[in-house]
Amino acid sequence: MSTSLARIEVKAFAFTGYPVTDLLQARAFYENVLGLKPVTTWVDGAKGWIEYELGDSTLALTNGSAETWRPASAGPALALEVADFGAAIAALREAGVRFKVEPVDFELCRFAIVLDPDGNQLAIHQRKGG
């Protein structure tokens, strides 16, 4: 990669995400065993997303994307909070980075998933309104 590319200003870790296969079983472990308290819960049928705040960070559990995001022992998922989502996406495209998930715009955030040279996933994330 060229050193003349625009730099991406990463402000913080947005969240650490762990895909699960059984949301109820995972929730029982994280809440009953580890004592975490959910701050956001979204469930649609058997699929869902649960967030637990840990100090300045958040752990998110989901079984909502089983076809693209599966539990693995190879390591956690990492989301990077960026200062300027559009500029970050443009810089990644300019650098020839592969996108696994094109930019998505949700009510509370925008994100995309890119692959590092080894194929590891990194989410590029920006919260809205802040």
N, C-alpha and C. Protein backbone atom coordinates (compact mmCIF):
# COMPACT_ATOMS: atom_id res chain seq x y z
N MET A 1 0.83 -1.18 0.00
CA MET A 1 0.00 0.00 0.00
C MET A 1 0.88 1.24 0.00
N SER A 2 0.45 2.21 -0.72
CA SER A 2 1.19 3.45 -0.86
C SER A 2 1.10 4.30 0.41
N THR A 3 2.19 4.98 0.74
CA THR A 3 2.17 5.85 1.92
C THR A 3 1.52 7.19 1.61
N SER A 4 1.19 7.46 0.34
CA SER A 4 0.56 8.73 -0.02
C SER A 4 -0.95 8.69 0.14
N LEU A 5 -1.50 7.56 0.54
CA LEU A 5 -2.95 7.45 0.72
C LEU A 5 -3.40 8.26 1.92
N ALA A 6 -4.65 8.71 1.87
CA ALA A 6 -5.23 9.44 2.99
C ALA A 6 -5.23 8.55 4.23
N ARG A 7 -5.00 9.14 5.36
CA ARG A 7 -5.01 8.38 6.61
C ARG A 7 -6.43 8.33 7.15
N ILE A 8 -6.77 7.23 7.76
CA ILE A 8 -8.07 7.06 8.39
C ILE A 8 -7.90 7.34 9.87
N GLU A 9 -8.71 8.22 10.41
CA GLU A 9 -8.64 8.55 11.83
C GLU A 9 -9.58 7.64 12.61
N VAL A 10 -9.04 6.63 13.25
CA VAL A 10 -9.82 5.74 14.10
C VAL A 10 -9.94 6.38 15.46
N LYS A 11 -11.18 6.59 15.93
CA LYS A 11 -11.40 7.28 17.21
C LYS A 11 -11.47 6.33 18.39
N ALA A 12 -12.00 5.13 18.19
CA ALA A 12 -12.20 4.22 19.32
C ALA A 12 -12.62 2.86 18.77
N PHE A 13 -12.66 1.87 19.62
CA PHE A 13 -13.28 0.60 19.27
C PHE A 13 -14.78 0.82 19.38
N ALA A 14 -15.54 0.51 18.33
CA ALA A 14 -16.99 0.69 18.34
C ALA A 14 -17.65 -0.39 19.20
N PHE A 15 -17.33 -1.63 18.93
CA PHE A 15 -17.82 -2.75 19.74
C PHE A 15 -17.03 -3.99 19.37
N THR A 16 -17.08 -4.98 20.23
CA THR A 16 -16.55 -6.30 19.91
C THR A 16 -17.75 -7.20 19.73
N GLY A 17 -17.81 -7.89 18.60
CA GLY A 17 -18.96 -8.73 18.31
C GLY A 17 -18.61 -10.20 18.31
N TYR A 18 -19.50 -10.97 18.87
CA TYR A 18 -19.36 -12.41 18.86
C TYR A 18 -20.61 -13.04 18.26
N PRO A 19 -20.45 -13.75 17.15
CA PRO A 19 -21.59 -14.47 16.59
C PRO A 19 -21.87 -15.71 17.42
N VAL A 20 -23.14 -16.02 17.57
CA VAL A 20 -23.56 -17.19 18.33
C VAL A 20 -24.58 -17.96 17.51
N THR A 21 -24.76 -19.23 17.84
CA THR A 21 -25.75 -20.02 17.11
C THR A 21 -27.09 -20.04 17.84
N ASP A 22 -27.07 -20.04 19.16
CA ASP A 22 -28.29 -20.10 19.97
C ASP A 22 -28.30 -18.87 20.88
N LEU A 23 -29.11 -17.88 20.53
CA LEU A 23 -29.12 -16.62 21.26
C LEU A 23 -29.56 -16.79 22.71
N LEU A 24 -30.56 -17.63 22.96
CA LEU A 24 -31.03 -17.83 24.33
C LEU A 24 -29.95 -18.47 25.20
N GLN A 25 -29.26 -19.45 24.67
CA GLN A 25 -28.19 -20.11 25.40
C GLN A 25 -27.04 -19.14 25.66
N ALA A 26 -26.69 -18.36 24.66
CA ALA A 26 -25.61 -17.38 24.83
C ALA A 26 -26.01 -16.33 25.86
N ARG A 27 -27.23 -15.86 25.77
CA ARG A 27 -27.70 -14.84 26.71
C ARG A 27 -27.67 -15.37 28.14
N ALA A 28 -28.07 -16.60 28.33
CA ALA A 28 -28.03 -17.20 29.66
C ALA A 28 -26.61 -17.21 30.21
N PHE A 29 -25.65 -17.55 29.38
CA PHE A 29 -24.25 -17.57 29.82
C PHE A 29 -23.76 -16.16 30.16
N TYR A 30 -23.92 -15.21 29.23
CA TYR A 30 -23.37 -13.87 29.45
C TYR A 30 -24.07 -13.13 30.59
N GLU A 31 -25.36 -13.37 30.77
CA GLU A 31 -26.08 -12.68 31.83
C GLU A 31 -26.06 -13.43 33.14
N ASN A 32 -26.34 -14.73 33.10
CA ASN A 32 -26.44 -15.49 34.34
C ASN A 32 -25.09 -15.94 34.88
N VAL A 33 -24.18 -16.31 34.00
CA VAL A 33 -22.86 -16.77 34.44
C VAL A 33 -21.90 -15.60 34.64
N LEU A 34 -21.83 -14.71 33.65
CA LEU A 34 -20.89 -13.60 33.74
C LEU A 34 -21.47 -12.37 34.43
N GLY A 35 -22.78 -12.32 34.60
CA GLY A 35 -23.40 -11.20 35.30
C GLY A 35 -23.53 -9.92 34.49
N LEU A 36 -23.43 -10.00 33.16
CA LEU A 36 -23.55 -8.80 32.33
C LEU A 36 -25.02 -8.40 32.21
N LYS A 37 -25.25 -7.10 32.13
CA LYS A 37 -26.61 -6.57 32.00
C LYS A 37 -26.79 -6.03 30.58
N PRO A 38 -27.84 -6.49 29.87
CA PRO A 38 -28.06 -5.99 28.51
C PRO A 38 -28.50 -4.53 28.53
N VAL A 39 -27.99 -3.76 27.58
CA VAL A 39 -28.41 -2.37 27.45
C VAL A 39 -29.24 -2.17 26.18
N THR A 40 -29.07 -3.04 25.21
CA THR A 40 -29.85 -3.02 23.98
C THR A 40 -30.20 -4.45 23.61
N THR A 41 -31.46 -4.68 23.32
CA THR A 41 -31.90 -6.01 22.90
C THR A 41 -32.83 -5.84 21.71
N TRP A 42 -32.49 -6.51 20.62
CA TRP A 42 -33.35 -6.56 19.45
C TRP A 42 -33.53 -8.03 19.10
N VAL A 43 -34.77 -8.48 19.09
CA VAL A 43 -35.06 -9.87 18.74
C VAL A 43 -36.21 -9.88 17.74
N ASP A 44 -36.04 -10.65 16.68
CA ASP A 44 -37.06 -10.82 15.65
C ASP A 44 -37.19 -12.32 15.42
N GLY A 45 -38.17 -12.92 16.07
CA GLY A 45 -38.31 -14.38 16.01
C GLY A 45 -37.17 -15.04 16.75
N ALA A 46 -36.45 -15.93 16.06
CA ALA A 46 -35.32 -16.62 16.68
C ALA A 46 -34.01 -15.86 16.51
N LYS A 47 -34.02 -14.78 15.73
CA LYS A 47 -32.80 -14.01 15.46
C LYS A 47 -32.76 -12.78 16.36
N GLY A 48 -31.54 -12.33 16.67
CA GLY A 48 -31.46 -11.15 17.51
C GLY A 48 -30.07 -10.58 17.66
N TRP A 49 -30.02 -9.48 18.41
CA TRP A 49 -28.80 -8.72 18.70
C TRP A 49 -28.92 -8.23 20.12
N ILE A 50 -27.93 -8.48 20.93
CA ILE A 50 -27.92 -8.03 22.32
C ILE A 50 -26.59 -7.34 22.59
N GLU A 51 -26.65 -6.17 23.22
CA GLU A 51 -25.44 -5.43 23.56
C GLU A 51 -25.28 -5.32 25.07
N TYR A 52 -24.04 -5.46 25.50
CA TYR A 52 -23.65 -5.31 26.90
C TYR A 52 -22.55 -4.26 26.97
N GLU A 53 -22.78 -3.20 27.72
CA GLU A 53 -21.74 -2.18 27.86
C GLU A 53 -20.77 -2.62 28.93
N LEU A 54 -19.49 -2.44 28.62
CA LEU A 54 -18.40 -2.80 29.53
C LEU A 54 -17.48 -1.59 29.65
N GLY A 55 -17.74 -0.72 30.62
CA GLY A 55 -16.98 0.51 30.71
C GLY A 55 -17.27 1.35 29.49
N ASP A 56 -16.23 1.74 28.77
CA ASP A 56 -16.40 2.53 27.55
C ASP A 56 -16.59 1.67 26.31
N SER A 57 -16.66 0.36 26.49
CA SER A 57 -16.77 -0.56 25.35
C SER A 57 -18.08 -1.33 25.42
N THR A 58 -18.39 -1.99 24.31
CA THR A 58 -19.61 -2.79 24.21
C THR A 58 -19.29 -4.15 23.62
N LEU A 59 -19.89 -5.17 24.19
CA LEU A 59 -19.84 -6.52 23.64
C LEU A 59 -21.21 -6.79 23.04
N ALA A 60 -21.24 -7.20 21.78
CA ALA A 60 -22.49 -7.49 21.10
C ALA A 60 -22.55 -8.96 20.73
N LEU A 61 -23.69 -9.58 20.97
CA LEU A 61 -23.94 -10.97 20.59
C LEU A 61 -25.05 -10.98 19.55
N THR A 62 -24.90 -11.82 18.53
CA THR A 62 -25.95 -11.93 17.52
C THR A 62 -25.94 -13.30 16.86
N ASN A 63 -27.12 -13.71 16.46
CA ASN A 63 -27.25 -14.88 15.59
C ASN A 63 -28.00 -14.48 14.33
N GLY A 64 -27.98 -13.21 14.00
CA GLY A 64 -28.75 -12.68 12.88
C GLY A 64 -28.12 -12.81 11.52
N SER A 65 -26.87 -13.20 11.44
CA SER A 65 -26.20 -13.29 10.14
C SER A 65 -25.47 -14.62 9.99
N ALA A 66 -26.14 -15.69 10.29
CA ALA A 66 -25.50 -17.01 10.29
C ALA A 66 -24.87 -17.37 8.95
N GLU A 67 -25.41 -16.86 7.85
CA GLU A 67 -24.85 -17.21 6.55
C GLU A 67 -23.56 -16.46 6.25
N THR A 68 -23.31 -15.32 6.91
CA THR A 68 -22.09 -14.56 6.63
C THR A 68 -21.19 -14.38 7.84
N TRP A 69 -21.69 -14.61 9.03
CA TRP A 69 -20.89 -14.39 10.25
C TRP A 69 -21.14 -15.53 11.20
N ARG A 70 -20.19 -16.44 11.28
CA ARG A 70 -20.35 -17.67 12.06
C ARG A 70 -19.40 -17.66 13.25
N PRO A 71 -19.80 -18.31 14.32
CA PRO A 71 -18.87 -18.46 15.45
C PRO A 71 -17.61 -19.20 14.99
N ALA A 72 -16.48 -18.78 15.53
CA ALA A 72 -15.22 -19.42 15.15
C ALA A 72 -14.23 -19.31 16.30
N SER A 73 -13.41 -20.30 16.42
CA SER A 73 -12.38 -20.28 17.45
C SER A 73 -11.13 -19.54 16.99
N ALA A 74 -11.15 -19.07 15.77
CA ALA A 74 -9.97 -18.41 15.21
C ALA A 74 -9.77 -16.99 15.75
N GLY A 75 -10.76 -16.41 16.41
CA GLY A 75 -10.58 -15.08 16.98
C GLY A 75 -11.85 -14.27 16.97
N PRO A 76 -11.83 -13.15 17.68
CA PRO A 76 -13.02 -12.30 17.78
C PRO A 76 -13.18 -11.41 16.54
N ALA A 77 -14.31 -10.75 16.47
CA ALA A 77 -14.56 -9.74 15.45
C ALA A 77 -14.23 -8.39 16.05
N LEU A 78 -13.77 -7.47 15.26
CA LEU A 78 -13.38 -6.15 15.74
C LEU A 78 -14.03 -5.10 14.88
N ALA A 79 -14.63 -4.09 15.51
CA ALA A 79 -15.21 -2.97 14.77
C ALA A 79 -14.45 -1.71 15.14
N LEU A 80 -14.06 -0.97 14.14
CA LEU A 80 -13.30 0.25 14.35
C LEU A 80 -14.21 1.46 14.17
N GLU A 81 -14.31 2.30 15.18
CA GLU A 81 -15.08 3.54 15.10
C GLU A 81 -14.22 4.58 14.39
N VAL A 82 -14.74 5.16 13.31
CA VAL A 82 -13.98 6.14 12.54
C VAL A 82 -14.61 7.51 12.65
N ALA A 83 -13.80 8.54 12.47
CA ALA A 83 -14.27 9.92 12.59
C ALA A 83 -15.12 10.32 11.39
N ASP A 84 -14.76 9.86 10.18
CA ASP A 84 -15.46 10.24 8.96
C ASP A 84 -15.66 8.98 8.13
N PHE A 85 -16.87 8.44 8.16
CA PHE A 85 -17.17 7.17 7.50
C PHE A 85 -16.93 7.26 6.00
N GLY A 86 -17.44 8.31 5.35
CA GLY A 86 -17.28 8.45 3.90
C GLY A 86 -15.82 8.51 3.49
N ALA A 87 -15.04 9.29 4.22
CA ALA A 87 -13.61 9.40 3.91
C ALA A 87 -12.89 8.08 4.14
N ALA A 88 -13.27 7.36 5.19
CA ALA A 88 -12.65 6.07 5.46
C ALA A 88 -12.94 5.07 4.34
N ILE A 89 -14.21 5.03 3.90
CA ILE A 89 -14.58 4.11 2.83
C ILE A 89 -13.83 4.47 1.54
N ALA A 90 -13.75 5.76 1.24
CA ALA A 90 -13.03 6.19 0.04
C ALA A 90 -11.56 5.80 0.11
N ALA A 91 -10.94 5.98 1.27
CA ALA A 91 -9.53 5.63 1.43
C ALA A 91 -9.32 4.12 1.30
N LEU A 92 -10.25 3.33 1.83
CA LEU A 92 -10.14 1.87 1.71
C LEU A 92 -10.28 1.43 0.25
N ARG A 93 -11.20 2.04 -0.45
CA ARG A 93 -11.37 1.71 -1.88
C ARG A 93 -10.13 2.10 -2.67
N GLU A 94 -9.59 3.28 -2.37
CA GLU A 94 -8.39 3.75 -3.05
C GLU A 94 -7.22 2.79 -2.83
N ALA A 95 -7.18 2.20 -1.66
CA ALA A 95 -6.10 1.27 -1.32
C ALA A 95 -6.34 -0.13 -1.89
N GLY A 96 -7.50 -0.35 -2.50
CA GLY A 96 -7.79 -1.66 -3.08
C GLY A 96 -8.20 -2.71 -2.07
N VAL A 97 -8.67 -2.28 -0.92
CA VAL A 97 -9.12 -3.22 0.12
C VAL A 97 -10.40 -3.91 -0.34
N ARG A 98 -10.49 -5.20 -0.07
CA ARG A 98 -11.67 -5.98 -0.44
C ARG A 98 -12.79 -5.76 0.58
N PHE A 99 -14.00 -5.53 0.08
CA PHE A 99 -15.18 -5.38 0.94
C PHE A 99 -15.95 -6.69 0.98
N LYS A 100 -16.23 -7.16 2.18
CA LYS A 100 -17.09 -8.33 2.34
C LYS A 100 -18.55 -7.89 2.41
N VAL A 101 -18.79 -6.78 3.10
CA VAL A 101 -20.12 -6.17 3.17
C VAL A 101 -19.97 -4.71 2.78
N GLU A 102 -20.66 -4.33 1.72
CA GLU A 102 -20.62 -2.94 1.27
C GLU A 102 -21.23 -2.04 2.36
N PRO A 103 -20.93 -0.75 2.32
CA PRO A 103 -21.47 0.15 3.34
C PRO A 103 -22.99 0.02 3.49
N VAL A 104 -23.40 -0.01 4.76
CA VAL A 104 -24.81 -0.15 5.12
C VAL A 104 -25.17 1.01 6.03
N ASP A 105 -26.35 1.59 5.81
CA ASP A 105 -26.81 2.73 6.61
C ASP A 105 -27.99 2.29 7.45
N PHE A 106 -27.82 2.28 8.77
CA PHE A 106 -28.89 1.96 9.69
C PHE A 106 -29.32 3.23 10.42
N GLU A 107 -30.37 3.14 11.20
CA GLU A 107 -30.88 4.31 11.92
C GLU A 107 -29.82 4.91 12.86
N LEU A 108 -29.08 4.05 13.55
CA LEU A 108 -28.13 4.53 14.56
C LEU A 108 -26.68 4.55 14.11
N CYS A 109 -26.37 3.91 12.99
CA CYS A 109 -24.97 3.83 12.57
C CYS A 109 -24.84 3.51 11.09
N ARG A 110 -23.59 3.59 10.62
CA ARG A 110 -23.22 3.14 9.28
C ARG A 110 -22.03 2.22 9.46
N PHE A 111 -21.97 1.17 8.64
CA PHE A 111 -20.81 0.29 8.70
C PHE A 111 -20.59 -0.44 7.40
N ALA A 112 -19.39 -0.98 7.26
CA ALA A 112 -19.02 -1.85 6.17
C ALA A 112 -18.05 -2.88 6.74
N ILE A 113 -17.92 -4.00 6.10
CA ILE A 113 -16.95 -5.00 6.54
C ILE A 113 -15.92 -5.19 5.43
N VAL A 114 -14.65 -5.04 5.81
CA VAL A 114 -13.55 -5.21 4.87
C VAL A 114 -12.70 -6.39 5.31
N LEU A 115 -11.88 -6.86 4.40
CA LEU A 115 -10.99 -7.99 4.68
C LEU A 115 -9.55 -7.52 4.70
N ASP A 116 -8.79 -7.96 5.69
CA ASP A 116 -7.36 -7.66 5.71
C ASP A 116 -6.65 -8.60 4.72
N PRO A 117 -5.35 -8.47 4.55
CA PRO A 117 -4.67 -9.32 3.56
C PRO A 117 -4.80 -10.82 3.81
N ASP A 118 -5.08 -11.22 5.06
CA ASP A 118 -5.25 -12.64 5.37
C ASP A 118 -6.71 -13.08 5.31
N GLY A 119 -7.61 -12.16 5.00
CA GLY A 119 -9.02 -12.49 4.95
C GLY A 119 -9.75 -12.28 6.25
N ASN A 120 -9.10 -11.73 7.27
CA ASN A 120 -9.77 -11.44 8.53
C ASN A 120 -10.72 -10.26 8.34
N GLN A 121 -11.85 -10.33 9.02
CA GLN A 121 -12.87 -9.29 8.91
C GLN A 121 -12.61 -8.13 9.87
N LEU A 122 -12.81 -6.92 9.37
CA LEU A 122 -12.79 -5.71 10.19
C LEU A 122 -14.01 -4.89 9.81
N ALA A 123 -14.77 -4.47 10.80
CA ALA A 123 -15.91 -3.59 10.53
C ALA A 123 -15.43 -2.15 10.64
N ILE A 124 -15.82 -1.35 9.68
CA ILE A 124 -15.58 0.09 9.72
C ILE A 124 -16.92 0.69 10.11
N HIS A 125 -16.96 1.44 11.21
CA HIS A 125 -18.21 1.82 11.85
C HIS A 125 -18.23 3.30 12.21
N GLN A 126 -19.40 3.91 12.08
CA GLN A 126 -19.56 5.27 12.57
C GLN A 126 -20.96 5.41 13.17
N ARG A 127 -20.99 5.79 14.44
CA ARG A 127 -22.26 6.07 15.09
C ARG A 127 -22.83 7.36 14.52
N LYS A 128 -24.14 7.45 14.46
CA LYS A 128 -24.79 8.67 14.00
C LYS A 128 -25.06 9.57 15.21
N GLY A 129 -25.07 10.86 14.98
CA GLY A 129 -25.42 11.80 16.04
C GLY A 129 -24.34 12.01 17.07
N GLY A 130 -23.12 11.70 16.73
CA GLY A 130 -22.08 11.89 17.71
C GLY A 130 -20.79 11.76 17.13
